[in-house]
Structure formats: structure tokens, C-alpha cells
Amino acid sequence: MLPQIELSSGTIDYQDTGGDGPVLVFAHGMPMNETQWRKVVPLLNGYRCILPTLPLGGHRRPMAPDADLSQRGVALLLGEFIERLAVDDVTLVLNDWGGGQFLVSEGKAQRIARLVLVACEAFDNFPPRAPPKRRPRCAGFPVASGS
């Protein structure tokens, strides 16, 4: 079972590798959860890696009915999470959404020393290709054009 922390918008799960090394907080994109970073964290010996499961679609617990789940709201929730853990000199690693700039623009980045923005369109997926056109199918059989 993952550790949990109660925040103003509800309870979130998180992983924490612990340790005394530099703190890296990894935030996932939509509709993912902390497992997005499962192949990265084992490569970071000597770092304390913290991975919150944010309410971006892959979370396991419902948020409060009045929770602000806008980009700004989730970013402020991430800032509250970092504040509650009382970690300083944090390297915040974000993928797929722009939460980091909200922390900066809202004056909530006091514990953030570095901000790493990882694009979700990269390498052989840039620019993202449109899905191939397919003919409509009904019960596995092609549908005649114009039907």
C-alpha cells in the first residue's frame, strides 16, 4: 500500500524512495499516475525520488467535491504536497502538463530549485501523427460508403 497524504482537495497516494540525496519530485501527465516514471526511478541511485499520484485521471482516490481540478488547481495541489512534505531544494520534473509555471506565477515555488519540463511529443513521435483513416465497421464487417 502506498503512503498517503491528506491535502486541502483530498487524499493522494505517493511513492517515496527515501534517503538523504537530492530531492526529485516527479509529476505525471494525463491520464497517468506515478507508474509513468517506473523505468526512470531505478536509474537514480543517490536521489530521493518522490512520486505523487495527482488527480489527472489515473488517481485511485476521489477528490473532494469542491476540489479545483483545473491545471492551476492541480499545480497548487502539487505545491501544497511539496510544502506538506517539508522538502527543500526540490528538482520538480513534469511531463505533459504545465503545472510548473502556475507554481511560479502564483508565488508557490519557494521550495523548488529546478524545474524540468519533459515533452510528451519527442523523438519518433514528433510531430504526433494522425491516426490512419479507417473505413467504418459494423460488427467487424466493412460498411459500404454512403450508408
C-alpha atoms as a PDB file:
ATOM      1  CA  MET A   1       0.000   0.000   0.000  1.00  0.00           C
ATOM      2  CA  LEU A   2       1.290   3.444  -0.951  1.00  0.00           C
ATOM      3  CA  PRO A   3       1.763   6.197   1.626  1.00  0.00           C
ATOM      4  CA  GLN A   4      -0.990   8.808   1.617  1.00  0.00           C
ATOM      5  CA  ILE A   5      -1.194  12.452   2.494  1.00  0.00           C
ATOM      6  CA  GLU A   6      -4.315  14.494   3.212  1.00  0.00           C
ATOM      7  CA  LEU A   7      -4.372  17.772   1.301  1.00  0.00           C
ATOM      8  CA  SER A   8      -6.978  20.525   1.044  1.00  0.00           C
ATOM      9  CA  SER A   9      -8.620  18.888  -2.019  1.00  0.00           C
ATOM     10  CA  GLY A  10      -8.469  15.294  -0.776  1.00  0.00           C
ATOM     11  CA  THR A  11      -6.114  12.418  -0.108  1.00  0.00           C
ATOM     12  CA  ILE A  12      -3.418  11.495  -2.611  1.00  0.00           C
ATOM     13  CA  ASP A  13      -1.125   8.489  -2.745  1.00  0.00           C
ATOM     14  CA  TYR A  14       2.585   8.828  -3.357  1.00  0.00           C
ATOM     15  CA  GLN A  15       5.811   6.867  -3.516  1.00  0.00           C
ATOM     16  CA  ASP A  16       8.969   7.993  -1.742  1.00  0.00           C
ATOM     17  CA  THR A  17      12.279   6.194  -2.142  1.00  0.00           C
ATOM     18  CA  GLY A  18      13.592   7.966   0.951  1.00  0.00           C
ATOM     19  CA  GLY A  19      17.226   8.748   1.562  1.00  0.00           C
ATOM     20  CA  ASP A  20      19.345  11.814   2.103  1.00  0.00           C
ATOM     21  CA  GLY A  21      20.163  12.558  -1.528  1.00  0.00           C
ATOM     22  CA  PRO A  22      18.899  15.486  -3.597  1.00  0.00           C
ATOM     23  CA  VAL A  23      15.093  15.523  -3.849  1.00  0.00           C
ATOM     24  CA  LEU A  24      13.422  14.871  -7.198  1.00  0.00           C
ATOM     25  CA  VAL A  25       9.620  15.188  -7.378  1.00  0.00           C
ATOM     26  CA  PHE A  26       8.160  13.555 -10.486  1.00  0.00           C
ATOM     27  CA  ALA A  27       4.716  14.666 -11.670  1.00  0.00           C
ATOM     28  CA  HIS A  28       2.949  12.583 -14.291  1.00  0.00           C
ATOM     29  CA  GLY A  29       0.691  13.658 -17.137  1.00  0.00           C
ATOM     30  CA  MET A  30      -2.908  12.929 -18.077  1.00  0.00           C
ATOM     31  CA  PRO A  31      -4.372  10.316 -17.642  1.00  0.00           C
ATOM     32  CA  MET A  32      -1.399   8.624 -15.988  1.00  0.00           C
ATOM     33  CA  ASN A  33      -0.209   8.021 -12.443  1.00  0.00           C
ATOM     34  CA  GLU A  34       3.164   7.679 -10.732  1.00  0.00           C
ATOM     35  CA  THR A  35       3.944   4.463 -12.631  1.00  0.00           C
ATOM     36  CA  GLN A  36       4.806   6.637 -15.642  1.00  0.00           C
ATOM     37  CA  TRP A  37       8.274   7.012 -14.073  1.00  0.00           C
ATOM     38  CA  ARG A  38       8.783   3.305 -13.151  1.00  0.00           C
ATOM     39  CA  LYS A  39      11.725   2.848 -15.538  1.00  0.00           C
ATOM     40  CA  VAL A  40      13.418   6.120 -14.584  1.00  0.00           C
ATOM     41  CA  VAL A  41      13.490   5.934 -10.782  1.00  0.00           C
ATOM     42  CA  PRO A  42      15.642   2.749 -10.560  1.00  0.00           C
ATOM     43  CA  LEU A  43      18.352   4.595 -12.509  1.00  0.00           C
ATOM     44  CA  LEU A  44      18.589   7.370  -9.917  1.00  0.00           C
ATOM     45  CA  ASN A  45      20.585   5.858  -7.069  1.00  0.00           C
ATOM     46  CA  GLY A  46      21.638   8.533  -4.618  1.00  0.00           C
ATOM     47  CA  TYR A  47      18.500  10.641  -5.145  1.00  0.00           C
ATOM     48  CA  ARG A  48      15.343  10.793  -3.083  1.00  0.00           C
ATOM     49  CA  CYS A  49      12.547  10.313  -5.604  1.00  0.00           C
ATOM     50  CA  ILE A  50       9.006  11.334  -4.666  1.00  0.00           C
ATOM     51  CA  LEU A  51       6.127  10.479  -6.991  1.00  0.00           C
ATOM     52  CA  PRO A  52       2.667  11.832  -6.121  1.00  0.00           C
ATOM     53  CA  THR A  53      -0.406  10.424  -7.842  1.00  0.00           C
ATOM     54  CA  LEU A  54      -2.128  13.614  -8.921  1.00  0.00           C
ATOM     55  CA  PRO A  55      -5.846  13.861  -9.786  1.00  0.00           C
ATOM     56  CA  LEU A  56      -5.235  13.826 -13.540  1.00  0.00           C
ATOM     57  CA  GLY A  57      -7.225  10.713 -14.421  1.00  0.00           C
ATOM     58  CA  GLY A  58      -5.043   7.845 -13.163  1.00  0.00           C
ATOM     59  CA  HIS A  59      -5.590   8.544  -9.463  1.00  0.00           C
ATOM     60  CA  ARG A  60      -7.051   5.919  -7.142  1.00  0.00           C
ATOM     61  CA  ARG A  61      -8.987   8.124  -4.726  1.00  0.00           C
ATOM     62  CA  PRO A  62     -11.754  10.616  -5.429  1.00  0.00           C
ATOM     63  CA  MET A  63     -11.033  14.227  -4.621  1.00  0.00           C
ATOM     64  CA  ALA A  64     -13.359  16.427  -2.579  1.00  0.00           C
ATOM     65  CA  PRO A  65     -16.481  17.514  -4.494  1.00  0.00           C
ATOM     66  CA  ASP A  66     -15.335  21.150  -4.453  1.00  0.00           C
ATOM     67  CA  ALA A  67     -11.726  20.394  -5.490  1.00  0.00           C
ATOM     68  CA  ASP A  68     -10.274  22.702  -8.139  1.00  0.00           C
ATOM     69  CA  LEU A  69      -9.035  20.231 -10.762  1.00  0.00           C
ATOM     70  CA  SER A  70      -8.067  22.844 -13.341  1.00  0.00           C
ATOM     71  CA  GLN A  71      -4.401  22.973 -14.377  1.00  0.00           C
ATOM     72  CA  ARG A  72      -3.868  25.800 -11.907  1.00  0.00           C
ATOM     73  CA  GLY A  73      -5.720  23.927  -9.144  1.00  0.00           C
ATOM     74  CA  VAL A  74      -3.731  20.712  -9.619  1.00  0.00           C
ATOM     75  CA  ALA A  75      -0.491  22.726  -9.726  1.00  0.00           C
ATOM     76  CA  LEU A  76      -1.384  24.398  -6.430  1.00  0.00           C
ATOM     77  CA  LEU A  77      -2.192  20.954  -5.016  1.00  0.00           C
ATOM     78  CA  LEU A  78       1.265  19.787  -6.099  1.00  0.00           C
ATOM     79  CA  GLY A  79       2.779  22.833  -4.381  1.00  0.00           C
ATOM     80  CA  GLU A  80       0.796  22.022  -1.232  1.00  0.00           C
ATOM     81  CA  PHE A  81       2.051  18.415  -1.409  1.00  0.00           C
ATOM     82  CA  ILE A  82       5.689  19.586  -1.591  1.00  0.00           C
ATOM     83  CA  GLU A  83       5.086  22.055   1.245  1.00  0.00           C
ATOM     84  CA  ARG A  84       3.491  19.391   3.479  1.00  0.00           C
ATOM     85  CA  LEU A  85       6.447  17.038   2.938  1.00  0.00           C
ATOM     86  CA  ALA A  86       8.723  19.919   4.006  1.00  0.00           C
ATOM     87  CA  VAL A  87      11.345  19.159   1.346  1.00  0.00           C
ATOM     88  CA  ASP A  88      13.597  21.931   0.074  1.00  0.00           C
ATOM     89  CA  ASP A  89      15.860  22.478  -2.918  1.00  0.00           C
ATOM     90  CA  VAL A  90      13.486  20.309  -4.996  1.00  0.00           C
ATOM     91  CA  THR A  91      14.003  19.443  -8.627  1.00  0.00           C
ATOM     92  CA  LEU A  92      10.458  19.242  -9.992  1.00  0.00           C
ATOM     93  CA  VAL A  93      10.152  17.036 -13.087  1.00  0.00           C
ATOM     94  CA  LEU A  94       6.895  17.499 -15.045  1.00  0.00           C
ATOM     95  CA  ASN A  95       5.521  15.700 -18.071  1.00  0.00           C
ATOM     96  CA  ASP A  96       2.563  16.510 -20.323  1.00  0.00           C
ATOM     97  CA  TRP A  97       1.009  19.422 -18.430  1.00  0.00           C
ATOM     98  CA  GLY A  98       2.141  22.899 -17.495  1.00  0.00           C
ATOM     99  CA  GLY A  99       1.834  22.875 -13.718  1.00  0.00           C
ATOM    100  CA  GLY A 100       5.262  24.297 -13.060  1.00  0.00           C
ATOM    101  CA  GLN A 101       4.566  27.754 -14.406  1.00  0.00           C
ATOM    102  CA  PHE A 102       1.483  28.045 -12.169  1.00  0.00           C
ATOM    103  CA  LEU A 103       3.618  27.392  -9.096  1.00  0.00           C
ATOM    104  CA  VAL A 104       5.952  30.155 -10.208  1.00  0.00           C
ATOM    105  CA  SER A 105       3.223  32.635 -11.226  1.00  0.00           C
ATOM    106  CA  GLU A 106       1.267  32.017  -8.005  1.00  0.00           C
ATOM    107  CA  GLY A 107       4.333  32.541  -5.804  1.00  0.00           C
ATOM    108  CA  LYS A 108       4.290  28.921  -4.566  1.00  0.00           C
ATOM    109  CA  ALA A 109       7.720  27.844  -5.801  1.00  0.00           C
ATOM    110  CA  GLN A 110       9.788  28.671  -2.704  1.00  0.00           C
ATOM    111  CA  ARG A 111      10.831  25.026  -2.237  1.00  0.00           C
ATOM    112  CA  ILE A 112      11.509  24.490  -5.975  1.00  0.00           C
ATOM    113  CA  ALA A 113      15.136  24.998  -7.009  1.00  0.00           C
ATOM    114  CA  ARG A 114      14.963  23.488 -10.504  1.00  0.00           C
ATOM    115  CA  LEU A 115      12.157  22.828 -12.953  1.00  0.00           C
ATOM    116  CA  VAL A 116      12.465  20.129 -15.635  1.00  0.00           C
ATOM    117  CA  LEU A 117       9.756  20.070 -18.329  1.00  0.00           C
ATOM    118  CA  VAL A 118       9.656  16.845 -20.334  1.00  0.00           C
ATOM    119  CA  ALA A 119       7.760  16.971 -23.630  1.00  0.00           C
ATOM    120  CA  CYS A 120       5.369  14.151 -24.407  1.00  0.00           C
ATOM    121  CA  GLU A 121       5.980  14.606 -28.136  1.00  0.00           C
ATOM    122  CA  ALA A 122       9.550  13.594 -28.773  1.00  0.00           C
ATOM    123  CA  PHE A 123      11.858  11.547 -30.930  1.00  0.00           C
ATOM    124  CA  ASP A 124       9.850   9.452 -33.396  1.00  0.00           C
ATOM    125  CA  ASN A 125       6.526  10.890 -32.135  1.00  0.00           C
ATOM    126  CA  PHE A 126       7.102  14.499 -33.189  1.00  0.00           C
ATOM    127  CA  PRO A 127       5.008  15.916 -34.516  1.00  0.00           C
ATOM    128  CA  PRO A 128       2.340  13.448 -33.398  1.00  0.00           C
ATOM    129  CA  ARG A 129       0.903  11.655 -36.393  1.00  0.00           C
ATOM    130  CA  ALA A 130      -2.786  11.486 -37.066  1.00  0.00           C
ATOM    131  CA  PRO A 131      -4.252   8.019 -36.739  1.00  0.00           C
ATOM    132  CA  PRO A 132      -4.678   6.190 -40.047  1.00  0.00           C
ATOM    133  CA  LYS A 133      -8.015   6.670 -41.760  1.00  0.00           C
ATOM    134  CA  ARG A 134     -10.194   3.652 -41.416  1.00  0.00           C
ATOM    135  CA  ARG A 135     -13.376   2.680 -43.080  1.00  0.00           C
ATOM    136  CA  PRO A 136     -16.309   2.426 -40.690  1.00  0.00           C
ATOM    137  CA  ARG A 137     -17.048  -1.091 -39.485  1.00  0.00           C
ATOM    138  CA  CYS A 138     -20.176  -2.617 -38.072  1.00  0.00           C
ATOM    139  CA  ALA A 139     -19.802  -5.856 -36.109  1.00  0.00           C
ATOM    140  CA  GLY A 140     -16.460  -6.434 -37.776  1.00  0.00           C
ATOM    141  CA  PHE A 141     -17.700  -6.051 -41.350  1.00  0.00           C
ATOM    142  CA  PRO A 142     -16.914  -3.049 -43.586  1.00  0.00           C
ATOM    143  CA  VAL A 143     -19.798  -0.653 -44.074  1.00  0.00           C
ATOM    144  CA  ALA A 144     -20.464   0.448 -47.628  1.00  0.00           C
ATOM    145  CA  SER A 145     -19.642   4.074 -48.318  1.00  0.00           C
ATOM    146  CA  GLY A 146     -22.639   6.366 -48.129  1.00  0.00           C
ATOM    147  CA  SER A 147     -24.558   4.150 -45.668  1.00  0.00           C
END
